[in-house]
Amino acid sequence: MSGVPFAILRHAPTAWNDSRRLQGMTDICLSADGEAMAKSWCLPAPAAGWKRVCSPLVRARRTAELLKPVAPVAIEPRLREMSFGIWEGQTILELRATVGAEFLDAERRGLDFQPPGGESPRATMARLSAWALEIAAAGDPVVAVSHKAAIRALLALATGWDMTGRQPMKLDWHRLHFFVAHRDGSVTVDRLNVAMAPA
């Protein structure tokens, strides 16, 4: 089945990444180390010449702006991170200790994991599927800068993973992941964990 390729990258690190806090829709800036890392990233061919889009959150926008070669960046709201609702700002270990059985039960729900006041991976997957369908219809390859939970939902869409059990393919969050968007609304994996080009 033919389709239109696209590549997706997680934003560079923030202070909350370093402390393993759930960020979700909390609009955290890149850390100093994150800024330096994003400045060092150079997109490999063929993605270097593709249209650039990103999540509206500042950590993704800033990463997209710093990527080499520098190019205009369009905001795509559907690339935003999954909302973790009232659990944002906390770590998984903290939640397991304080929320207890309720959090452990939520973790076991896979695609239907839904924090109070937040969004499920299934809902995240639906908005990313609609975005990918538009890529397939337009016919133009894109590079997207997004977020960890959103990219995991995209991987679930592409592989049929229900988010229970082990992730089917390991993702390096400092590398680029290539997928293909198809006109029937499906997404397939092309290549994962592609290294950045030399600056």
Protein backbone atom coordinates (compact mmCIF):
# COMPACT_ATOMS: atom_id res chain seq x y z
CA MET A 1 0.00 0.00 0.00
CA SER A 2 1.47 3.35 -1.02
CA GLY A 3 1.40 6.31 1.31
CA VAL A 4 3.05 9.55 2.33
CA PRO A 5 6.06 9.45 4.64
CA PHE A 6 6.41 11.57 7.75
CA ALA A 7 8.94 11.74 10.55
CA ILE A 8 8.37 12.55 14.21
CA LEU A 9 10.71 13.65 16.97
CA ARG A 10 10.22 14.14 20.68
CA HIS A 11 11.12 17.61 21.97
CA ALA A 12 14.48 18.11 23.68
CA PRO A 13 14.62 17.73 27.49
CA THR A 14 13.09 19.96 30.16
CA ALA A 15 13.75 20.14 33.89
CA TRP A 16 10.60 18.07 34.45
CA ASN A 17 11.96 15.37 32.13
CA ASP A 18 15.10 15.26 34.26
CA SER A 19 13.01 14.76 37.42
CA ARG A 20 10.67 12.29 35.62
CA ARG A 21 7.55 14.41 36.19
CA LEU A 22 4.46 13.99 34.02
CA GLN A 23 4.28 17.14 31.90
CA GLY A 24 1.19 16.63 29.75
CA MET A 25 -0.32 20.00 28.86
CA THR A 26 1.73 21.89 31.46
CA ASP A 27 3.75 24.29 29.31
CA ILE A 28 7.32 23.70 30.47
CA CYS A 29 10.30 25.33 28.69
CA LEU A 30 13.39 23.45 27.57
CA SER A 31 16.15 23.26 30.15
CA ALA A 32 19.56 24.76 29.35
CA ASP A 33 20.75 21.27 28.45
CA GLY A 34 17.64 20.82 26.31
CA GLU A 35 18.35 24.05 24.41
CA ALA A 36 21.92 22.91 23.76
CA MET A 37 20.75 19.49 22.61
CA ALA A 38 18.14 20.90 20.22
CA LYS A 39 20.75 23.27 18.75
CA SER A 40 23.01 20.28 18.07
CA TRP A 41 20.33 18.32 16.18
CA CYS A 42 20.51 18.29 12.38
CA LEU A 43 17.78 16.46 10.48
CA PRO A 44 18.96 13.67 8.17
CA ALA A 45 17.90 13.35 4.53
CA PRO A 46 15.23 13.21 3.26
CA ALA A 47 13.52 14.78 6.30
CA ALA A 48 15.83 17.82 6.20
CA GLY A 49 13.87 19.16 3.23
CA TRP A 50 10.37 18.37 4.44
CA LYS A 51 7.75 20.80 5.74
CA ARG A 52 8.06 21.30 9.52
CA VAL A 53 5.19 21.19 12.03
CA CYS A 54 5.04 21.00 15.82
CA SER A 55 2.88 20.81 18.90
CA PRO A 56 1.72 24.19 20.27
CA LEU A 57 3.53 23.57 23.58
CA VAL A 58 6.64 25.72 24.04
CA ARG A 59 9.05 22.82 24.54
CA ALA A 60 8.09 21.38 21.15
CA ARG A 61 7.95 24.75 19.39
CA ARG A 62 11.40 25.71 20.62
CA THR A 63 12.88 22.37 19.60
CA ALA A 64 11.37 22.70 16.10
CA GLU A 65 12.76 26.24 15.76
CA LEU A 66 16.28 25.14 16.71
CA LEU A 67 16.48 22.06 14.48
CA LYS A 68 18.91 22.33 11.61
CA PRO A 69 18.48 23.16 8.83
CA VAL A 70 16.43 26.05 10.21
CA ALA A 71 13.03 26.27 8.51
CA PRO A 72 9.60 27.81 9.08
CA VAL A 73 7.47 25.89 11.58
CA ALA A 74 3.68 25.55 11.51
CA ILE A 75 1.71 24.80 14.70
CA GLU A 76 -0.42 21.65 14.62
CA PRO A 77 -2.63 21.38 17.73
CA ARG A 78 -3.20 17.63 17.27
CA LEU A 79 0.50 17.03 17.97
CA ARG A 80 0.08 18.25 21.58
CA GLU A 81 0.95 15.97 24.46
CA MET A 82 -1.63 13.74 26.09
CA SER A 83 -3.16 15.53 29.07
CA PHE A 84 -2.41 13.89 32.42
CA GLY A 85 -5.03 16.01 34.18
CA ILE A 86 -4.58 16.39 37.94
CA TRP A 87 -1.56 14.06 37.87
CA GLU A 88 0.65 16.52 35.97
CA GLY A 89 3.74 17.60 37.87
CA GLN A 90 4.01 14.31 39.75
CA THR A 91 6.20 11.28 39.08
CA ILE A 92 4.93 7.75 38.45
CA LEU A 93 6.56 6.64 41.71
CA GLU A 94 4.79 9.42 43.63
CA LEU A 95 1.44 8.49 42.08
CA ARG A 96 1.87 4.80 42.85
CA ALA A 97 2.58 5.75 46.46
CA THR A 98 -0.10 8.44 46.96
CA VAL A 99 -2.96 7.38 44.66
CA GLY A 100 -2.25 3.71 45.21
CA ALA A 101 -4.66 1.10 43.86
CA GLU A 102 -6.58 3.63 41.75
CA PHE A 103 -3.42 4.56 39.85
CA LEU A 104 -2.30 0.93 39.47
CA ASP A 105 -5.74 0.06 38.08
CA ALA A 106 -5.54 2.97 35.63
CA GLU A 107 -2.11 1.80 34.43
CA ARG A 108 -3.54 -1.63 33.59
CA ARG A 109 -6.15 -0.16 31.24
CA GLY A 110 -3.69 0.36 28.39
CA LEU A 111 -5.28 2.49 25.66
CA ASP A 112 -8.08 3.40 28.07
CA PHE A 113 -5.75 4.71 30.81
CA GLN A 114 -7.29 8.07 31.71
CA PRO A 115 -6.06 10.38 34.46
CA PRO A 116 -8.75 12.38 36.30
CA GLY A 117 -9.40 15.45 34.15
CA GLY A 118 -7.02 14.11 31.48
CA GLU A 119 -7.01 12.32 28.15
CA SER A 120 -6.67 8.64 27.27
CA PRO A 121 -4.10 7.23 24.83
CA ARG A 122 -7.06 6.08 22.71
CA ALA A 123 -8.28 9.68 22.36
CA THR A 124 -4.72 10.84 21.62
CA MET A 125 -4.44 8.13 18.97
CA ALA A 126 -7.70 9.28 17.34
CA ARG A 127 -6.52 12.87 16.88
CA LEU A 128 -3.15 11.71 15.53
CA SER A 129 -4.95 9.37 13.12
CA ALA A 130 -6.98 12.31 11.78
CA TRP A 131 -3.77 14.33 11.37
CA ALA A 132 -2.05 11.46 9.52
CA LEU A 133 -5.07 11.09 7.23
CA GLU A 134 -4.65 14.75 6.24
CA ILE A 135 -0.97 14.13 5.47
CA ALA A 136 -1.94 11.22 3.21
CA ALA A 137 -4.57 13.33 1.44
CA ALA A 138 -2.25 16.31 0.95
CA GLY A 139 0.63 14.18 -0.31
CA ASP A 140 3.38 16.27 1.29
CA PRO A 141 5.91 14.66 3.67
CA VAL A 142 6.38 16.42 7.01
CA VAL A 143 8.66 16.43 10.03
CA ALA A 144 6.77 16.79 13.31
CA VAL A 145 8.02 17.66 16.79
CA SER A 146 5.76 16.20 19.45
CA HIS A 147 5.85 14.44 22.83
CA LYS A 148 6.55 11.06 24.40
CA ALA A 149 2.99 9.92 25.21
CA ALA A 150 1.71 11.20 21.85
CA ILE A 151 4.45 9.33 19.95
CA ARG A 152 3.71 6.17 21.95
CA ALA A 153 0.04 6.53 20.91
CA LEU A 154 1.20 6.87 17.30
CA LEU A 155 3.25 3.68 17.67
CA ALA A 156 0.14 1.95 19.03
CA LEU A 157 -1.83 3.15 16.01
CA ALA A 158 0.83 1.82 13.62
CA THR A 159 1.39 -1.56 15.29
CA GLY A 160 -1.93 -2.48 16.92
CA TRP A 161 -0.33 -2.42 20.38
CA ASP A 162 -3.00 -2.03 23.05
CA MET A 163 -0.53 -0.46 25.50
CA THR A 164 -0.71 -3.37 27.89
CA GLY A 165 2.49 -5.33 28.24
CA ARG A 166 5.83 -4.45 26.74
CA GLN A 167 6.10 -1.80 24.03
CA PRO A 168 6.56 -3.64 20.69
CA MET A 169 9.53 -1.54 19.56
CA LYS A 170 11.94 0.50 21.65
CA LEU A 171 12.09 4.23 20.88
CA ASP A 172 15.18 6.36 21.40
CA TRP A 173 13.83 9.77 22.40
CA HIS A 174 16.86 11.59 20.91
CA ARG A 175 16.32 10.14 17.44
CA LEU A 176 13.90 10.54 14.55
CA HIS A 177 11.10 8.03 13.81
CA PHE A 178 9.72 7.56 10.29
CA PHE A 179 6.16 6.43 9.57
CA VAL A 180 3.90 6.29 6.51
CA ALA A 181 0.38 7.78 6.41
CA HIS A 182 -2.14 5.99 4.17
CA ARG A 183 -5.36 7.19 2.55
CA ASP A 184 -7.42 4.57 4.40
CA GLY A 185 -6.50 6.26 7.68
CA SER A 186 -3.90 3.72 8.73
CA VAL A 187 -0.30 4.44 9.71
CA THR A 188 2.62 2.04 9.27
CA VAL A 189 6.16 2.03 10.65
CA ASP A 190 8.94 2.80 8.18
CA ARG A 191 12.16 3.21 10.22
CA LEU A 192 12.61 3.97 13.90
CA ASN A 193 15.52 5.44 15.85
CA VAL A 194 17.21 7.18 12.93
CA ALA A 195 20.28 9.15 14.02
CA MET A 196 20.58 12.85 13.41
CA ALA A 197 22.91 13.98 10.63
CA PRO A 198 26.33 15.48 11.43
CA ALA A 199 25.99 19.22 12.02
